[in-house]
Amino acid sequence: MIENTLGLFITVVFLTFLLVAIGLGAAWRWEFKAAVIVFSTAIMISCYFSLVGLLGWPTPFHAGDSEQVLIHAFVEEPEKTLSAGGSIYLWVRSNEEGSTPRALYFPYRRELHETVTAALQRKNGGTSQGVRLSGNDPGGARNDSFSMFDMYKPRLNDKNQREN
């Protein structure tokens, strides 16, 4: 995953360098050359930071407070032998009809692990689960947290009950 991103980033850097080199050799005014250099650098940086969302990998970025529908979740517990922190992955979609699912990443925390496990058990029992994402605290600090809630449980007719 990192190798692909790095290769694409190096390609963009090379093309930007090539554009700047051609621009510096051209007989253009220096103001125009400086604008091309700044614009090329801005595009390179923008491309680098937008790669994660474009390639469909789980993203740690989510906007503000929003409610989503849980499709599935996966918990990767921390490895003590490798000193690797764990991860929690959520696949969610909005309540809107035809919305595209998103994969979200959260750093592992034991309380989030327990929340996800309980929600998956309720989901497997037939109760749809909602996810309330907490994006940022009012002070602007990052808050990697979420809560789960029951959306609805389908009502099934009792087989023994007869309609008159």
Protein backbone atom coordinates (compact mmCIF):
# COMPACT_ATOMS: atom_id res chain seq x y z
CA MET A 1 0.00 0.00 0.00
CA ILE A 2 2.75 2.46 0.97
CA GLU A 3 4.89 1.43 -2.03
CA ASN A 4 2.10 2.30 -4.48
CA THR A 5 1.52 5.67 -2.86
CA LEU A 6 5.23 6.42 -2.82
CA GLY A 7 5.59 5.45 -6.50
CA LEU A 8 2.71 7.67 -7.51
CA PHE A 9 4.06 10.54 -5.41
CA ILE A 10 7.53 10.20 -7.02
CA THR A 11 5.88 10.26 -10.46
CA VAL A 12 4.03 13.47 -9.63
CA VAL A 13 7.23 15.03 -8.25
CA PHE A 14 9.10 14.08 -11.44
CA LEU A 15 6.40 15.54 -13.69
CA THR A 16 6.35 18.72 -11.62
CA PHE A 17 10.14 18.96 -11.84
CA LEU A 18 9.95 18.44 -15.60
CA LEU A 19 7.31 21.15 -15.97
CA VAL A 20 9.36 23.58 -13.88
CA ALA A 21 12.56 22.78 -15.82
CA ILE A 22 10.83 23.42 -19.13
CA GLY A 23 9.32 26.61 -17.74
CA LEU A 24 12.68 27.92 -16.50
CA GLY A 25 14.26 27.32 -19.90
CA ALA A 26 11.47 29.07 -21.76
CA ALA A 27 11.58 32.75 -22.66
CA TRP A 28 8.65 33.67 -20.41
CA ARG A 29 8.45 36.46 -17.89
CA TRP A 30 9.68 35.59 -14.41
CA GLU A 31 6.31 36.39 -12.86
CA PHE A 32 4.67 33.74 -15.02
CA LYS A 33 7.44 31.22 -14.25
CA ALA A 34 7.04 31.81 -10.51
CA ALA A 35 3.28 31.31 -10.78
CA VAL A 36 3.80 28.01 -12.65
CA ILE A 37 6.24 26.82 -9.97
CA VAL A 38 3.85 27.68 -7.12
CA PHE A 39 0.87 26.16 -8.93
CA SER A 40 2.76 22.94 -9.75
CA THR A 41 3.90 22.57 -6.15
CA ALA A 42 0.35 23.10 -4.87
CA ILE A 43 -1.01 20.45 -7.23
CA MET A 44 1.73 18.01 -6.14
CA ILE A 45 0.90 18.49 -2.44
CA SER A 46 -2.85 18.26 -3.09
CA CYS A 47 -2.39 15.04 -5.07
CA TYR A 48 -0.32 13.48 -2.30
CA PHE A 49 -2.87 14.18 0.44
CA SER A 50 -5.84 13.05 -1.65
CA LEU A 51 -4.39 9.66 -2.60
CA VAL A 52 -5.70 7.85 0.48
CA GLY A 53 -9.30 8.76 -0.26
CA LEU A 54 -9.00 8.00 -3.96
CA LEU A 55 -7.60 4.52 -3.58
CA GLY A 56 -10.33 3.32 -1.24
CA TRP A 57 -8.18 2.62 1.78
CA PRO A 58 -9.62 3.19 5.23
CA THR A 59 -9.29 6.81 6.14
CA PRO A 60 -8.93 8.35 9.58
CA PHE A 61 -10.63 11.50 8.33
CA HIS A 62 -14.33 11.98 8.85
CA ALA A 63 -16.32 15.14 8.91
CA GLY A 64 -17.80 16.39 12.14
CA ASP A 65 -20.65 14.68 13.94
CA SER A 66 -22.64 12.42 11.68
CA GLU A 67 -24.74 9.31 11.88
CA GLN A 68 -23.98 6.40 9.57
CA VAL A 69 -25.29 2.85 9.04
CA LEU A 70 -22.85 0.11 10.06
CA ILE A 71 -22.21 -2.40 7.28
CA HIS A 72 -19.45 -4.33 9.03
CA ALA A 73 -16.51 -3.87 11.37
CA PHE A 74 -13.16 -5.53 11.92
CA VAL A 75 -10.94 -5.27 15.00
CA GLU A 76 -7.20 -5.89 14.81
CA GLU A 77 -5.85 -6.24 18.34
CA PRO A 78 -2.41 -4.86 19.25
CA GLU A 79 0.60 -7.17 18.87
CA LYS A 80 2.79 -7.00 21.95
CA THR A 81 5.61 -9.01 20.38
CA LEU A 82 5.85 -6.65 17.39
CA SER A 83 4.92 -3.57 19.45
CA ALA A 84 2.33 -2.76 16.82
CA GLY A 85 -0.77 -0.86 17.84
CA GLY A 86 -4.09 -2.34 16.83
CA SER A 87 -6.73 -0.92 14.55
CA ILE A 88 -10.48 -0.77 14.32
CA TYR A 89 -12.00 -0.64 10.84
CA LEU A 90 -15.62 0.33 10.21
CA TRP A 91 -17.47 0.05 6.92
CA VAL A 92 -20.31 2.53 6.99
CA ARG A 93 -22.72 4.31 4.66
CA SER A 94 -25.03 7.25 5.13
CA ASN A 95 -28.80 6.88 5.54
CA GLU A 96 -29.40 8.31 2.08
CA GLU A 97 -30.60 5.95 -0.64
CA GLY A 98 -27.80 4.79 -2.94
CA SER A 99 -24.99 6.18 -0.82
CA THR A 100 -21.48 4.83 -1.29
CA PRO A 101 -19.91 2.92 1.62
CA ARG A 102 -16.80 4.32 3.29
CA ALA A 103 -14.07 2.57 5.20
CA LEU A 104 -12.96 4.33 8.38
CA TYR A 105 -9.92 3.66 10.54
CA PHE A 106 -9.62 4.23 14.28
CA PRO A 107 -6.64 3.54 16.55
CA TYR A 108 -7.28 0.57 18.83
CA ARG A 109 -8.79 1.24 22.24
CA ARG A 110 -10.23 -1.47 24.46
CA GLU A 111 -13.55 0.34 25.06
CA LEU A 112 -14.07 0.82 21.31
CA HIS A 113 -13.29 -2.87 20.78
CA GLU A 114 -16.01 -3.83 23.28
CA THR A 115 -18.48 -1.42 21.65
CA VAL A 116 -17.83 -2.89 18.19
CA THR A 117 -18.11 -6.49 19.43
CA ALA A 118 -21.47 -5.80 21.11
CA ALA A 119 -22.77 -3.97 18.03
CA LEU A 120 -21.78 -6.82 15.70
CA GLN A 121 -23.58 -9.31 17.95
CA ARG A 122 -26.75 -7.18 17.85
CA LYS A 123 -26.38 -6.77 14.09
CA ASN A 124 -26.05 -10.53 13.62
CA GLY A 125 -29.19 -10.88 15.74
CA GLY A 126 -31.15 -8.81 13.21
CA THR A 127 -30.98 -5.32 14.67
CA SER A 128 -29.48 -2.74 12.30
CA GLN A 129 -26.73 -0.72 13.92
CA GLY A 130 -26.00 2.96 13.55
CA VAL A 131 -22.67 4.65 14.12
CA ARG A 132 -22.42 8.17 15.50
CA LEU A 133 -19.05 9.62 14.55
CA SER A 134 -17.47 12.21 16.82
CA GLY A 135 -15.17 14.19 14.56
CA ASN A 136 -13.71 17.06 16.53
CA ASP A 137 -14.06 18.46 20.00
CA PRO A 138 -15.38 22.03 20.27
CA GLY A 139 -11.80 23.14 20.99
CA GLY A 140 -10.67 21.79 17.60
CA ALA A 141 -8.77 18.80 19.01
CA ARG A 142 -9.06 15.48 17.17
CA ASN A 143 -11.44 13.02 18.83
CA ASP A 144 -11.12 9.53 17.36
CA SER A 145 -14.25 8.11 18.86
CA PHE A 146 -17.64 6.80 17.91
CA SER A 147 -20.73 5.36 19.51
CA MET A 148 -23.14 2.72 18.29
CA PHE A 149 -26.92 2.62 18.60
CA ASP A 150 -29.83 0.42 17.52
CA MET A 151 -31.45 1.79 14.38
CA TYR A 152 -34.42 -0.53 14.04
CA LYS A 153 -35.31 -4.15 14.54
CA PRO A 154 -37.48 -5.81 11.91
CA ARG A 155 -40.86 -6.90 13.22
CA LEU A 156 -41.68 -10.45 12.26
CA ASN A 157 -45.15 -11.91 12.47
CA ASP A 158 -45.63 -14.60 15.04
CA LYS A 159 -46.12 -17.93 13.24
CA ASN A 160 -48.61 -19.12 15.86
CA GLN A 161 -50.77 -16.00 15.61
CA ARG A 162 -53.60 -16.28 13.10
CA GLU A 163 -55.17 -13.34 11.41
CA ASN A 164 -58.98 -13.23 11.66
